[in-house]
């Protein structure tokens, strides 16, 4: 099971530079990730070539899902 706090930490470290997360962080220039945690995969380069080199462990995916599900 993932946790909000760990997901928030990972989001800020790996995602916030490009993405927003609802009202928690509305500043990212690309897709708002709020509520989209179910789209995460371990190799994010398979979603977009712009994310090549960014990989997530199974636990990081669960944590990000918990965080992204909670932000609106």
C-alpha atoms as a PDB file:
ATOM      1  CA  UNK A   1       0.000   0.000   0.000  1.00  0.00           C
ATOM      2  CA  UNK A   2       1.270   3.474  -0.844  1.00  0.00           C
ATOM      3  CA  UNK A   3       1.353   6.546   1.350  1.00  0.00           C
ATOM      4  CA  UNK A   4       0.470  10.133   0.583  1.00  0.00           C
ATOM      5  CA  UNK A   5       3.638  11.502   2.221  1.00  0.00           C
ATOM      6  CA  UNK A   6       6.017   9.243   0.281  1.00  0.00           C
ATOM      7  CA  UNK A   7       4.121   9.945  -2.940  1.00  0.00           C
ATOM      8  CA  UNK A   8       4.301  13.686  -2.337  1.00  0.00           C
ATOM      9  CA  UNK A   9       8.060  13.436  -1.794  1.00  0.00           C
ATOM     10  CA  UNK A  10       8.540  11.444  -5.020  1.00  0.00           C
ATOM     11  CA  UNK A  11       6.250  13.802  -6.969  1.00  0.00           C
ATOM     12  CA  UNK A  12       8.267  16.825  -5.820  1.00  0.00           C
ATOM     13  CA  UNK A  13      11.566  15.104  -6.663  1.00  0.00           C
ATOM     14  CA  UNK A  14      10.686  13.581 -10.031  1.00  0.00           C
ATOM     15  CA  UNK A  15       7.459  14.983 -11.446  1.00  0.00           C
ATOM     16  CA  UNK A  16       6.891  18.575 -10.327  1.00  0.00           C
ATOM     17  CA  UNK A  17       9.485  20.051 -12.663  1.00  0.00           C
ATOM     18  CA  UNK A  18       7.174  19.266 -15.607  1.00  0.00           C
ATOM     19  CA  UNK A  19       3.740  18.319 -14.239  1.00  0.00           C
ATOM     20  CA  UNK A  20       1.105  19.914 -12.062  1.00  0.00           C
ATOM     21  CA  UNK A  21      -0.859  18.099  -9.368  1.00  0.00           C
ATOM     22  CA  UNK A  22      -4.193  19.835  -9.060  1.00  0.00           C
ATOM     23  CA  UNK A  23      -4.467  22.603  -6.507  1.00  0.00           C
ATOM     24  CA  UNK A  24      -1.516  21.154  -4.545  1.00  0.00           C
ATOM     25  CA  UNK A  25       0.861  22.340  -7.262  1.00  0.00           C
ATOM     26  CA  UNK A  26      -0.797  24.099 -10.216  1.00  0.00           C
ATOM     27  CA  UNK A  27       2.468  25.381 -11.743  1.00  0.00           C
ATOM     28  CA  UNK A  28       3.654  22.539 -14.009  1.00  0.00           C
ATOM     29  CA  UNK A  29       3.533  23.288 -17.729  1.00  0.00           C
ATOM     30  CA  UNK A  30       2.470  19.783 -18.791  1.00  0.00           C
ATOM     31  CA  UNK A  31      -0.395  17.422 -17.996  1.00  0.00           C
ATOM     32  CA  UNK A  32      -2.074  17.752 -14.600  1.00  0.00           C
ATOM     33  CA  UNK A  33      -1.477  14.413 -12.850  1.00  0.00           C
ATOM     34  CA  UNK A  34      -4.204  14.781 -10.199  1.00  0.00           C
ATOM     35  CA  UNK A  35      -6.285  11.604 -10.249  1.00  0.00           C
ATOM     36  CA  UNK A  36      -4.131   9.958 -12.921  1.00  0.00           C
ATOM     37  CA  UNK A  37      -2.050   7.642 -10.743  1.00  0.00           C
ATOM     38  CA  UNK A  38      -3.528   4.552 -12.389  1.00  0.00           C
ATOM     39  CA  UNK A  39      -1.682   5.463 -15.601  1.00  0.00           C
ATOM     40  CA  UNK A  40       1.745   5.029 -13.987  1.00  0.00           C
ATOM     41  CA  UNK A  41       4.111   2.305 -15.151  1.00  0.00           C
ATOM     42  CA  UNK A  42       7.620   1.454 -13.966  1.00  0.00           C
ATOM     43  CA  UNK A  43       9.369   2.732 -17.110  1.00  0.00           C
ATOM     44  CA  UNK A  44       7.914   6.163 -17.761  1.00  0.00           C
ATOM     45  CA  UNK A  45       9.772   6.369 -21.074  1.00  0.00           C
ATOM     46  CA  UNK A  46       7.133   4.026 -22.463  1.00  0.00           C
ATOM     47  CA  UNK A  47       4.531   6.759 -21.898  1.00  0.00           C
ATOM     48  CA  UNK A  48       6.571   9.581 -23.410  1.00  0.00           C
ATOM     49  CA  UNK A  49      10.076   9.806 -24.819  1.00  0.00           C
ATOM     50  CA  UNK A  50      10.466  13.001 -22.801  1.00  0.00           C
ATOM     51  CA  UNK A  51      10.503  10.850 -19.671  1.00  0.00           C
ATOM     52  CA  UNK A  52      13.217   8.425 -20.838  1.00  0.00           C
ATOM     53  CA  UNK A  53      15.458   7.482 -17.953  1.00  0.00           C
ATOM     54  CA  UNK A  54      12.784   8.003 -15.304  1.00  0.00           C
ATOM     55  CA  UNK A  55      11.841   4.706 -13.729  1.00  0.00           C
ATOM     56  CA  UNK A  56       9.741   3.936 -10.684  1.00  0.00           C
ATOM     57  CA  UNK A  57       9.834   1.009  -8.302  1.00  0.00           C
ATOM     58  CA  UNK A  58       6.621  -0.800  -7.481  1.00  0.00           C
ATOM     59  CA  UNK A  59       6.484   0.981  -4.123  1.00  0.00           C
ATOM     60  CA  UNK A  60       7.045   4.395  -5.716  1.00  0.00           C
ATOM     61  CA  UNK A  61       4.127   3.726  -8.071  1.00  0.00           C
ATOM     62  CA  UNK A  62       1.887   2.857  -5.104  1.00  0.00           C
ATOM     63  CA  UNK A  63       3.023   5.971  -3.246  1.00  0.00           C
ATOM     64  CA  UNK A  64       2.443   8.238  -6.242  1.00  0.00           C
ATOM     65  CA  UNK A  65      -0.987   6.672  -6.796  1.00  0.00           C
ATOM     66  CA  UNK A  66      -1.912   7.452  -3.171  1.00  0.00           C
ATOM     67  CA  UNK A  67      -0.709  11.036  -3.517  1.00  0.00           C
ATOM     68  CA  UNK A  68      -2.283  11.706  -6.921  1.00  0.00           C
ATOM     69  CA  UNK A  69      -5.604  10.167  -5.866  1.00  0.00           C
ATOM     70  CA  UNK A  70      -5.787  12.547  -2.904  1.00  0.00           C
ATOM     71  CA  UNK A  71      -4.968  15.826  -4.680  1.00  0.00           C
ATOM     72  CA  UNK A  72      -7.753  17.658  -6.485  1.00  0.00           C
END
